[in-house]
Amino acid sequence: MLAKLTVKNQLTLPKAIVKQFSGVEHFDVSTDGSSITLKPLRTSRLDEIRAHLEKLGITEQDITDAIAWARQSE
């Protein structure tokens, strides 16, 4: 199966693949240099990530601001 990379660096995954992961909204993305691996994150892992961000004092607004800053054109 093929996945299309859009101009905004987003992947469009085939429906047949997505159906196998109903209810999953977040994936851990990794690479070994020659392939990309997507692993579904279950709620417990997401809770760990959110707790870690909270511990670091990083808010959703901080993330939104960082994305906006990174997307600014020079």
N, C-alpha and C. Protein backbone atom coordinates (compact mmCIF):
# COMPACT_ATOMS: atom_id res chain seq x y z
N MET A 1 0.84 -1.19 0.00
CA MET A 1 0.00 0.00 0.00
C MET A 1 0.88 1.24 0.00
N LEU A 2 0.32 2.29 -0.53
CA LEU A 2 1.06 3.55 -0.60
C LEU A 2 0.47 4.58 0.36
N ALA A 3 1.32 5.45 0.85
CA ALA A 3 0.92 6.60 1.66
C ALA A 3 1.46 7.83 0.95
N LYS A 4 0.64 8.85 0.82
CA LYS A 4 1.05 10.06 0.11
C LYS A 4 1.54 11.12 1.08
N LEU A 5 2.68 11.73 0.77
CA LEU A 5 3.22 12.85 1.54
C LEU A 5 2.73 14.13 0.90
N THR A 6 2.05 14.98 1.69
CA THR A 6 1.52 16.22 1.15
C THR A 6 2.58 17.32 1.19
N VAL A 7 2.26 18.46 0.61
CA VAL A 7 3.20 19.58 0.60
C VAL A 7 3.44 20.13 2.00
N LYS A 8 2.56 19.81 2.94
CA LYS A 8 2.72 20.25 4.33
C LYS A 8 3.35 19.15 5.19
N ASN A 9 4.03 18.20 4.55
CA ASN A 9 4.71 17.09 5.23
C ASN A 9 3.77 16.24 6.08
N GLN A 10 2.55 16.07 5.61
CA GLN A 10 1.59 15.20 6.28
C GLN A 10 1.42 13.94 5.44
N LEU A 11 1.26 12.81 6.11
CA LEU A 11 1.04 11.55 5.41
C LEU A 11 -0.44 11.22 5.37
N THR A 12 -0.89 10.79 4.22
CA THR A 12 -2.25 10.29 4.08
C THR A 12 -2.15 8.78 4.07
N LEU A 13 -2.69 8.16 5.12
CA LEU A 13 -2.59 6.71 5.27
C LEU A 13 -3.79 6.02 4.62
N PRO A 14 -3.58 4.84 4.06
CA PRO A 14 -4.69 4.09 3.46
C PRO A 14 -5.75 3.73 4.51
N LYS A 15 -7.03 3.77 4.09
CA LYS A 15 -8.13 3.45 4.99
C LYS A 15 -7.98 2.06 5.60
N ALA A 16 -7.51 1.12 4.83
CA ALA A 16 -7.36 -0.25 5.32
C ALA A 16 -6.43 -0.31 6.53
N ILE A 17 -5.42 0.54 6.55
CA ILE A 17 -4.48 0.58 7.67
C ILE A 17 -5.12 1.29 8.85
N VAL A 18 -5.71 2.45 8.59
CA VAL A 18 -6.30 3.26 9.66
C VAL A 18 -7.41 2.49 10.39
N LYS A 19 -8.18 1.70 9.67
CA LYS A 19 -9.27 0.92 10.29
C LYS A 19 -8.76 -0.02 11.37
N GLN A 20 -7.53 -0.47 11.25
CA GLN A 20 -6.96 -1.39 12.23
C GLN A 20 -6.63 -0.71 13.55
N PHE A 21 -6.66 0.62 13.57
CA PHE A 21 -6.29 1.38 14.76
C PHE A 21 -7.39 2.35 15.16
N SER A 22 -8.63 1.88 15.16
CA SER A 22 -9.75 2.77 15.49
C SER A 22 -9.58 3.29 16.92
N GLY A 23 -9.88 4.55 17.09
CA GLY A 23 -9.78 5.17 18.40
C GLY A 23 -8.40 5.70 18.73
N VAL A 24 -7.42 5.38 17.92
CA VAL A 24 -6.05 5.87 18.16
C VAL A 24 -5.89 7.21 17.46
N GLU A 25 -5.45 8.22 18.20
CA GLU A 25 -5.26 9.55 17.63
C GLU A 25 -3.80 9.96 17.55
N HIS A 26 -2.94 9.32 18.35
CA HIS A 26 -1.53 9.70 18.38
C HIS A 26 -0.64 8.48 18.14
N PHE A 27 0.45 8.72 17.44
CA PHE A 27 1.41 7.67 17.13
C PHE A 27 2.81 8.14 17.51
N ASP A 28 3.62 7.23 18.00
CA ASP A 28 5.03 7.49 18.23
C ASP A 28 5.72 7.25 16.90
N VAL A 29 6.50 8.22 16.43
CA VAL A 29 7.16 8.11 15.13
C VAL A 29 8.65 7.97 15.36
N SER A 30 9.24 6.96 14.71
CA SER A 30 10.69 6.78 14.81
C SER A 30 11.24 6.35 13.45
N THR A 31 12.55 6.42 13.33
CA THR A 31 13.20 6.02 12.09
C THR A 31 14.53 5.35 12.40
N ASP A 32 14.93 4.45 11.52
CA ASP A 32 16.25 3.85 11.63
C ASP A 32 17.15 4.38 10.51
N GLY A 33 16.68 5.41 9.83
CA GLY A 33 17.44 6.02 8.75
C GLY A 33 16.99 5.57 7.38
N SER A 34 16.36 4.41 7.29
CA SER A 34 15.89 3.94 5.99
C SER A 34 14.40 3.62 5.98
N SER A 35 13.77 3.63 7.15
CA SER A 35 12.33 3.39 7.22
C SER A 35 11.74 4.20 8.37
N ILE A 36 10.43 4.42 8.29
CA ILE A 36 9.69 5.15 9.31
C ILE A 36 8.75 4.17 9.99
N THR A 37 8.70 4.21 11.32
CA THR A 37 7.82 3.34 12.08
C THR A 37 6.81 4.18 12.85
N LEU A 38 5.54 3.82 12.74
CA LEU A 38 4.47 4.45 13.51
C LEU A 38 3.95 3.43 14.51
N LYS A 39 3.96 3.80 15.79
CA LYS A 39 3.43 2.92 16.83
C LYS A 39 2.29 3.64 17.53
N PRO A 40 1.12 3.01 17.59
CA PRO A 40 -0.01 3.68 18.25
C PRO A 40 0.27 3.91 19.72
N LEU A 41 -0.08 5.10 20.20
CA LEU A 41 0.07 5.41 21.61
C LEU A 41 -1.25 5.18 22.30
N ARG A 42 -1.21 4.38 23.31
CA ARG A 42 -2.40 4.12 24.10
C ARG A 42 -2.54 5.24 25.13
N THR A 43 -3.69 5.36 25.71
CA THR A 43 -3.98 6.44 26.64
C THR A 43 -2.94 6.52 27.76
N SER A 44 -2.51 5.38 28.29
CA SER A 44 -1.57 5.40 29.40
C SER A 44 -0.26 6.08 29.00
N ARG A 45 0.23 5.83 27.80
CA ARG A 45 1.47 6.46 27.33
C ARG A 45 1.26 7.96 27.14
N LEU A 46 0.11 8.33 26.61
CA LEU A 46 -0.19 9.75 26.45
C LEU A 46 -0.23 10.45 27.80
N ASP A 47 -0.80 9.77 28.78
CA ASP A 47 -0.85 10.35 30.12
C ASP A 47 0.57 10.56 30.66
N GLU A 48 1.48 9.63 30.37
CA GLU A 48 2.87 9.77 30.80
C GLU A 48 3.51 11.00 30.16
N ILE A 49 3.26 11.18 28.88
CA ILE A 49 3.83 12.32 28.16
C ILE A 49 3.27 13.63 28.71
N ARG A 50 1.96 13.67 28.90
CA ARG A 50 1.34 14.89 29.44
C ARG A 50 1.87 15.21 30.84
N ALA A 51 2.03 14.17 31.66
CA ALA A 51 2.55 14.37 33.02
C ALA A 51 3.98 14.91 32.97
N HIS A 52 4.77 14.39 32.04
CA HIS A 52 6.16 14.84 31.92
C HIS A 52 6.21 16.31 31.47
N LEU A 53 5.38 16.66 30.51
CA LEU A 53 5.33 18.05 30.06
C LEU A 53 4.89 18.97 31.20
N GLU A 54 3.91 18.51 31.97
CA GLU A 54 3.44 19.31 33.11
C GLU A 54 4.56 19.49 34.13
N LYS A 55 5.30 18.41 34.38
CA LYS A 55 6.42 18.47 35.32
C LYS A 55 7.47 19.48 34.86
N LEU A 56 7.67 19.57 33.55
CA LEU A 56 8.63 20.53 32.99
C LEU A 56 8.06 21.94 32.92
N GLY A 57 6.77 22.08 33.21
CA GLY A 57 6.15 23.40 33.17
C GLY A 57 5.77 23.84 31.76
N ILE A 58 5.66 22.89 30.85
CA ILE A 58 5.31 23.20 29.46
C ILE A 58 3.80 23.09 29.30
N THR A 59 3.18 24.17 28.85
CA THR A 59 1.73 24.20 28.68
C THR A 59 1.37 24.02 27.20
N GLU A 60 0.08 23.79 26.95
CA GLU A 60 -0.39 23.71 25.56
C GLU A 60 -0.12 25.01 24.83
N GLN A 61 -0.24 26.12 25.53
CA GLN A 61 0.02 27.42 24.91
C GLN A 61 1.50 27.54 24.53
N ASP A 62 2.40 27.02 25.36
CA ASP A 62 3.83 27.03 25.03
C ASP A 62 4.07 26.28 23.72
N ILE A 63 3.41 25.15 23.57
CA ILE A 63 3.58 24.34 22.36
C ILE A 63 3.01 25.07 21.16
N THR A 64 1.83 25.67 21.31
CA THR A 64 1.23 26.45 20.23
C THR A 64 2.14 27.60 19.83
N ASP A 65 2.69 28.31 20.81
CA ASP A 65 3.60 29.42 20.54
C ASP A 65 4.87 28.94 19.84
N ALA A 66 5.40 27.80 20.26
CA ALA A 66 6.62 27.26 19.65
C ALA A 66 6.37 26.88 18.19
N ILE A 67 5.22 26.30 17.91
CA ILE A 67 4.88 25.93 16.53
C ILE A 67 4.74 27.18 15.68
N ALA A 68 4.06 28.20 16.20
CA ALA A 68 3.90 29.45 15.47
C ALA A 68 5.24 30.09 15.19
N TRP A 69 6.13 30.08 16.18
CA TRP A 69 7.47 30.65 16.02
C TRP A 69 8.24 29.88 14.93
N ALA A 70 8.17 28.55 14.96
CA ALA A 70 8.91 27.74 14.00
C ALA A 70 8.39 27.90 12.58
N ARG A 71 7.12 28.26 12.45
CA ARG A 71 6.52 28.39 11.13
C ARG A 71 6.68 29.79 10.54
N GLN A 72 7.23 30.73 11.30
CA GLN A 72 7.43 32.08 10.80
C GLN A 72 8.44 32.05 9.67
N SER A 73 8.12 32.77 8.60
CA SER A 73 9.08 32.86 7.49
C SER A 73 10.04 34.02 7.75
N GLU A 74 11.23 33.85 7.29
CA GLU A 74 12.27 34.88 7.52
C GLU A 74 12.19 35.97 6.50
